[in-house]
Amino acid sequence: MKRKEQLKVLAANCGTTSQCPYCNYELERAPKRKAKCKSCKKPIYPRKEPLSGDQRLYREGDLFLLEELKALADGWWYDWYEANKGVLNARKNLAKEWNVADARWRESHTDLAEATEKQDWDLVYSTYESMLRQVQREKSQEKTPLEELVAGLLVTGYGRERSFNGYLLEHRIGRPQYMLIDQLTTDPSEVYELVKGTNTANTYCSLLNVSLDTVINRYKGELKEDDEIRNSLEQKGTPSSDRNIASTLNVVETPAKESKKNNTASKLPILLLIVAVVIVIYMNT
């Protein structure tokens, strides 16, 4: 099988013996446990290469490959491959879309690949958000595959299940995040057409077991809900609302005036009685 042949080549070329596997900094001695490179500060993992048994130094992103090599060496690779082929396809599809020379983009691609392997969807989502913000800062829309970035943000944002203290959270990403899509690409009504043919959308929809239609409906649902809330708040601040408040205050004041009249009316018989008594006393004197 082609994949098994590829693994033998990868095993021979992956990892280092005395240099940092990230930046090629020459180490004073090879660490025996996980350590940080003094130069780039990234984690180095000393491991035995499963096929040859040689001790080598690996990056964090190589650990998934070592897991596959171990399955091959132990004779249960087919079962391992069936259980993990979704992640392998994700790595392959991501690599197709990120043939970018910039070191920051290569690092972001590495972060995406590693987070996808771990199925850390929060990290995948935050990486896509970070990449979109970088595009916005640098105004580099023409140089980057924006449709792939938007697809990643949408699917992992609205497709992942999140919970807090055992309660499922709503499928929302927040206004600052979804506004990135509008500011950098297209109108919400055209987002589906923008992302439907992308490898990123197909890959993450498959991994998260969610349809793109569901993702887009959740996205539009959040936009609609926020619009309704905003319209409601704006209506409460209009002059018509002020008139309604003033009218309510007048209604409140009216009973107070009527009460004053009623009090005066109730005192009138007493006053008449006092006047009558005074007259009688005056006539008898």
Protein backbone atom coordinates (compact mmCIF):
# COMPACT_ATOMS: atom_id res chain seq x y z
CA MET A 1 0.00 0.00 0.00
CA LYS A 2 1.30 3.48 -0.91
CA ARG A 3 0.87 4.87 2.62
CA LYS A 4 3.02 2.13 4.14
CA GLU A 5 5.78 2.85 1.66
CA GLN A 6 5.56 6.57 2.47
CA LEU A 7 5.91 5.78 6.16
CA LYS A 8 9.29 4.11 5.68
CA VAL A 9 10.60 7.21 3.89
CA LEU A 10 9.14 9.53 6.53
CA ALA A 11 10.67 7.46 9.34
CA ALA A 12 14.13 7.76 7.78
CA ASN A 13 13.88 11.53 7.30
CA CYS A 14 11.97 12.66 10.36
CA GLY A 15 13.71 13.91 13.49
CA THR A 16 17.33 14.79 14.25
CA THR A 17 20.16 13.37 16.30
CA SER A 18 21.92 16.40 17.79
CA GLN A 19 20.12 19.49 16.46
CA CYS A 20 16.86 21.18 17.38
CA PRO A 21 14.24 19.66 15.04
CA TYR A 22 12.68 23.13 14.57
CA CYS A 23 15.54 25.60 14.04
CA ASN A 24 18.57 23.28 13.62
CA TYR A 25 20.32 24.85 16.61
CA GLU A 26 23.22 22.61 17.59
CA LEU A 27 22.48 21.26 21.08
CA GLU A 28 25.22 20.78 23.68
CA ARG A 29 23.87 17.27 24.24
CA ALA A 30 20.76 15.43 23.21
CA PRO A 31 18.12 15.58 25.96
CA LYS A 32 16.77 12.35 27.43
CA ARG A 33 13.44 13.91 28.40
CA LYS A 34 11.20 16.57 26.91
CA ALA A 35 13.11 19.87 26.84
CA LYS A 36 12.97 23.35 25.34
CA CYS A 37 15.40 24.53 22.72
CA LYS A 38 17.58 27.35 24.05
CA SER A 39 17.33 29.13 20.73
CA CYS A 40 13.68 28.95 19.58
CA LYS A 41 12.16 27.87 22.95
CA LYS A 42 10.05 25.15 21.35
CA PRO A 43 9.55 21.70 22.92
CA ILE A 44 11.85 18.88 21.84
CA TYR A 45 10.72 15.26 22.26
CA PRO A 46 13.37 12.51 22.47
CA ARG A 47 11.84 9.26 21.19
CA LYS A 48 12.87 5.94 19.68
CA GLU A 49 12.02 5.69 16.01
CA PRO A 50 9.77 2.59 15.99
CA LEU A 51 11.03 0.96 12.79
CA SER A 52 14.79 1.24 13.38
CA GLY A 53 14.88 1.65 17.14
CA ASP A 54 17.24 4.65 16.82
CA GLN A 55 16.96 7.45 19.39
CA ARG A 56 16.02 10.74 17.72
CA LEU A 57 14.71 14.21 18.57
CA TYR A 58 11.25 15.17 17.33
CA ARG A 59 8.88 18.12 17.10
CA GLU A 60 5.49 18.05 18.77
CA GLY A 61 3.90 17.74 15.34
CA ASP A 62 5.85 14.52 14.69
CA LEU A 63 4.29 12.59 17.58
CA PHE A 64 1.24 11.60 15.55
CA LEU A 65 3.54 10.14 12.89
CA LEU A 66 5.43 8.19 15.56
CA GLU A 67 2.12 6.77 16.76
CA GLU A 68 1.41 5.53 13.24
CA LEU A 69 4.93 4.12 12.88
CA LYS A 70 4.50 2.26 16.17
CA ALA A 71 1.29 0.70 14.88
CA LEU A 72 3.12 -0.36 11.72
CA ALA A 73 6.01 -1.85 13.70
CA ASP A 74 3.64 -3.74 16.03
CA GLY A 75 1.56 -5.17 13.18
CA TRP A 76 -1.82 -3.46 13.69
CA TRP A 77 -1.44 -0.57 11.25
CA TYR A 78 -4.64 -1.32 9.27
CA ASP A 79 -6.81 -0.92 12.37
CA TRP A 80 -4.96 2.25 13.34
CA TYR A 81 -5.36 3.69 9.83
CA GLU A 82 -9.12 3.05 9.75
CA ALA A 83 -9.51 4.81 13.10
CA ASN A 84 -7.38 7.82 12.12
CA LYS A 85 -7.74 8.32 8.37
CA GLY A 86 -9.99 11.36 8.91
CA VAL A 87 -7.15 13.21 10.62
CA LEU A 88 -4.66 12.08 7.98
CA ASN A 89 -6.92 13.40 5.21
CA ALA A 90 -7.27 16.69 7.10
CA ARG A 91 -3.50 17.13 7.20
CA LYS A 92 -3.26 16.34 3.50
CA ASN A 93 -6.01 18.81 2.55
CA LEU A 94 -4.59 21.57 4.73
CA ALA A 95 -1.18 21.15 3.13
CA LYS A 96 -2.72 21.62 -0.33
CA GLU A 97 -4.11 25.02 0.60
CA TRP A 98 -1.09 26.44 2.43
CA ASN A 99 1.74 26.67 0.00
CA VAL A 100 2.76 30.04 1.47
CA ALA A 101 6.37 31.10 1.94
CA ASP A 102 5.88 33.43 4.89
CA ALA A 103 7.24 31.86 8.09
CA ARG A 104 4.29 33.05 10.19
CA TRP A 105 1.85 31.34 7.86
CA ARG A 106 3.88 28.14 7.90
CA GLU A 107 3.82 28.23 11.69
CA SER A 108 0.05 28.78 11.68
CA HIS A 109 -0.35 25.84 9.34
CA THR A 110 1.70 23.71 11.72
CA ASP A 111 -0.52 24.82 14.62
CA LEU A 112 -3.62 23.86 12.64
CA ALA A 113 -2.25 20.45 11.74
CA GLU A 114 -1.25 19.68 15.34
CA ALA A 115 -4.54 20.91 16.79
CA THR A 116 -6.48 18.88 14.21
CA GLU A 117 -4.55 15.75 15.14
CA LYS A 118 -5.48 16.28 18.78
CA GLN A 119 -9.05 17.23 17.77
CA ASP A 120 -8.64 20.37 19.84
CA TRP A 121 -11.39 22.29 18.04
CA ASP A 122 -11.12 25.36 20.28
CA LEU A 123 -7.47 25.74 19.27
CA VAL A 124 -8.27 25.13 15.59
CA TYR A 125 -10.97 27.82 15.73
CA SER A 126 -8.77 30.36 17.53
CA THR A 127 -5.96 29.74 15.03
CA TYR A 128 -8.26 30.50 12.11
CA GLU A 129 -9.45 33.65 13.86
CA SER A 130 -5.84 34.72 14.46
CA MET A 131 -4.99 34.15 10.80
CA LEU A 132 -7.95 36.22 9.61
CA ARG A 133 -6.93 39.06 11.89
CA GLN A 134 -3.40 38.89 10.50
CA VAL A 135 -4.84 39.21 6.99
CA GLN A 136 -6.87 42.21 8.15
CA ARG A 137 -3.85 43.92 9.75
CA GLU A 138 -1.59 43.32 6.77
CA LYS A 139 -4.29 43.92 4.13
CA SER A 140 -3.08 40.75 2.43
CA GLN A 141 -6.44 39.49 1.10
CA GLU A 142 -5.02 38.95 -2.38
CA LYS A 143 -2.13 36.79 -1.13
CA THR A 144 -4.00 34.32 1.05
CA PRO A 145 -6.72 31.68 0.45
CA LEU A 146 -9.44 33.65 2.24
CA GLU A 147 -12.22 31.23 1.37
CA GLU A 148 -10.31 28.47 3.19
CA LEU A 149 -9.77 30.67 6.26
CA VAL A 150 -13.43 31.66 6.39
CA ALA A 151 -14.48 28.03 5.96
CA GLY A 152 -12.25 27.01 8.88
CA LEU A 153 -13.60 29.75 11.13
CA LEU A 154 -17.22 28.99 10.26
CA VAL A 155 -17.14 25.21 10.53
CA THR A 156 -15.07 24.96 13.70
CA GLY A 157 -16.87 27.96 15.23
CA TYR A 158 -20.43 26.80 14.59
CA GLY A 159 -19.82 23.08 14.22
CA ARG A 160 -18.06 22.25 17.49
CA GLU A 161 -20.00 21.33 20.62
CA ARG A 162 -19.05 23.40 23.68
CA SER A 163 -20.16 22.96 27.26
CA PHE A 164 -19.73 24.64 30.63
CA ASN A 165 -20.34 22.82 33.92
CA GLY A 166 -22.18 20.11 32.04
CA TYR A 167 -24.45 22.49 30.09
CA LEU A 168 -24.20 22.73 26.30
CA LEU A 169 -23.50 26.26 25.08
CA GLU A 170 -25.26 27.89 22.15
CA HIS A 171 -23.63 27.76 18.74
CA ARG A 172 -22.39 31.37 18.67
CA ILE A 173 -19.00 32.92 17.94
CA GLY A 174 -19.73 36.59 18.74
CA ARG A 175 -20.05 39.80 16.72
CA PRO A 176 -16.31 40.73 16.57
CA GLN A 177 -15.58 37.33 15.05
CA TYR A 178 -18.37 37.04 12.50
CA MET A 179 -17.80 40.65 11.39
CA LEU A 180 -14.37 39.52 10.16
CA ILE A 181 -16.13 37.47 7.50
CA ASP A 182 -18.17 40.44 6.29
CA GLN A 183 -15.24 42.86 6.39
CA LEU A 184 -12.79 40.62 4.55
CA THR A 185 -14.92 38.69 2.09
CA THR A 186 -18.57 39.00 1.18
CA ASP A 187 -22.16 39.60 2.26
CA PRO A 188 -23.65 36.96 4.63
CA SER A 189 -26.09 35.83 1.94
CA GLU A 190 -23.15 34.79 -0.28
CA VAL A 191 -20.97 33.08 2.33
CA TYR A 192 -22.30 29.60 1.52
CA GLU A 193 -21.25 29.94 -2.11
CA LEU A 194 -17.84 31.22 -0.99
CA VAL A 195 -16.94 28.21 1.16
CA LYS A 196 -18.97 25.26 -0.16
CA GLY A 197 -16.27 23.96 -2.51
CA THR A 198 -13.31 24.34 -0.16
CA ASN A 199 -11.22 21.45 1.15
CA THR A 200 -11.31 23.03 4.61
CA ALA A 201 -15.11 23.02 4.81
CA ASN A 202 -15.34 19.43 3.56
CA THR A 203 -12.61 18.22 5.92
CA TYR A 204 -13.87 19.80 9.13
CA CYS A 205 -17.53 19.06 8.40
CA SER A 206 -16.51 15.41 8.12
CA LEU A 207 -14.40 15.44 11.30
CA LEU A 208 -17.05 17.28 13.32
CA ASN A 209 -19.90 15.27 11.79
CA VAL A 210 -21.88 18.37 10.87
CA SER A 211 -23.29 19.52 7.53
CA LEU A 212 -22.29 22.80 5.94
CA ASP A 213 -25.99 23.71 5.71
CA THR A 214 -26.26 23.41 9.51
CA VAL A 215 -23.17 25.57 9.99
CA ILE A 216 -24.50 28.31 7.67
CA ASN A 217 -27.93 28.23 9.32
CA ARG A 218 -26.33 28.71 12.75
CA TYR A 219 -24.24 31.57 11.38
CA LYS A 220 -27.27 33.33 9.87
CA GLY A 221 -29.28 32.61 13.02
CA GLU A 222 -26.76 34.48 15.16
CA LEU A 223 -26.77 37.42 12.73
CA LYS A 224 -30.57 37.57 12.79
CA GLU A 225 -30.76 37.33 16.59
CA ASP A 226 -28.19 40.11 17.03
CA ASP A 227 -30.02 42.32 14.51
CA GLU A 228 -33.29 41.86 16.44
CA ILE A 229 -31.62 42.79 19.73
CA ARG A 230 -29.97 45.85 18.16
CA ASN A 231 -33.25 47.02 16.58
CA SER A 232 -35.03 46.59 19.90
CA LEU A 233 -32.44 48.71 21.70
CA GLU A 234 -32.59 51.41 19.01
CA GLN A 235 -36.38 51.59 19.26
CA LYS A 236 -36.19 52.16 23.00
CA GLY A 237 -34.06 55.24 22.38
CA THR A 238 -36.40 56.96 19.82
CA PRO A 239 -38.44 60.20 20.50
CA SER A 240 -41.68 58.20 20.34
CA SER A 241 -40.49 56.24 23.34
CA ASP A 242 -39.80 59.51 25.16
CA ARG A 243 -43.39 60.62 24.51
CA ASN A 244 -44.65 57.34 25.83
CA ILE A 245 -42.62 57.83 29.01
CA ALA A 246 -43.95 61.40 29.42
CA SER A 247 -47.48 60.17 28.89
CA THR A 248 -47.00 57.55 31.55
CA LEU A 249 -45.75 60.19 33.98
CA ASN A 250 -48.84 62.34 33.32
CA VAL A 251 -51.08 59.42 34.05
CA VAL A 252 -49.27 58.94 37.32
CA GLU A 253 -49.66 62.63 38.28
CA THR A 254 -53.38 62.82 37.49
CA PRO A 255 -54.63 60.73 40.44
CA ALA A 256 -52.58 62.92 42.80
CA LYS A 257 -54.50 66.06 41.65
CA GLU A 258 -57.85 64.30 41.98
CA SER A 259 -56.87 63.19 45.49
CA LYS A 260 -56.28 66.83 46.51
CA LYS A 261 -59.77 67.82 45.35
CA ASN A 262 -61.32 64.90 47.19
CA ASN A 263 -59.55 65.89 50.42
CA THR A 264 -60.90 69.45 50.14
CA ALA A 265 -64.42 68.15 49.54
CA SER A 266 -64.29 65.87 52.59
CA LYS A 267 -63.31 68.80 54.88
CA LEU A 268 -66.18 71.11 53.75
CA PRO A 269 -68.97 69.69 56.03
CA ILE A 270 -66.73 70.05 59.07
CA LEU A 271 -66.03 73.69 58.26
CA LEU A 272 -69.76 74.42 57.85
CA LEU A 273 -70.50 72.79 61.19
CA ILE A 274 -67.88 74.92 62.94
CA VAL A 275 -69.30 78.10 61.38
CA ALA A 276 -72.82 77.13 62.52
CA VAL A 277 -71.67 76.56 66.11
CA VAL A 278 -69.88 79.90 66.16
CA ILE A 279 -73.06 81.67 64.95
CA VAL A 280 -75.24 79.98 67.61
CA ILE A 281 -72.81 80.94 70.38
CA TYR A 282 -72.66 84.52 69.08
CA MET A 283 -76.49 84.82 69.04
CA ASN A 284 -76.80 83.51 72.61
CA THR A 285 -74.37 86.05 74.01
